[in-house]
Amino acid sequence: MKVKANKHRFRPISFGLTCSDIISKEVQFDYSCKYDIGQDQSDINKLFGVGFFHHHSNSGRFGWRWNIVTQKVELFAYVYNRGRRISEYLCSISLGEICRLSILLEGTGYGFIIQRKGVPAVHKFIEGQTFFIGYKLGAYFGGNRRAPHDMKIWLS
């Protein structure tokens, strides 16, 4: 998938309803995902997840950002629990590295799992409201800033 310069949404757009209790995808960040946006560099971009009713009220997603100092992609758990935003750092990965990301929808929250070849899995649970049926949330660049240039992410 790809986001064009000066846009927020990656194409193709992921949409639809889901009642699954686990969402898993393999991800690989292209070298085009390096960026420098100054004071907003710490903003978290969204990768994929699930929302319930309104995603700024109840949702769970993986987030990411480029770290200029370490030259790695930082992955985050990104949750809205009854309107309160929670973001927690999970791990850093290299550009071109393939990993499996999973979100487990449990009655009291979201389980985030990152699996990488040759590295122990990362597990993190964050409390939040989940419901039987939700809607898919796709990749989005920003916060308040738009993509500074075209970027590619492989997500399957």
Foldseek 3Di string as FASTA:
>chain_A
DKDFAQFWDDPPFAKDKDQDQKDKKKKAWAPQQDDDDDPCQPWWWFAKWWDDPDQLQFIWTKTWGADPVVRWIWIWIWTHARNDIDIDTFDTDHHGFMWMWMWGHDQFFIWIWIGGPPDDITIDTDGHHDDRMTMMGHTTDDDVGHHNGMTDMDMD
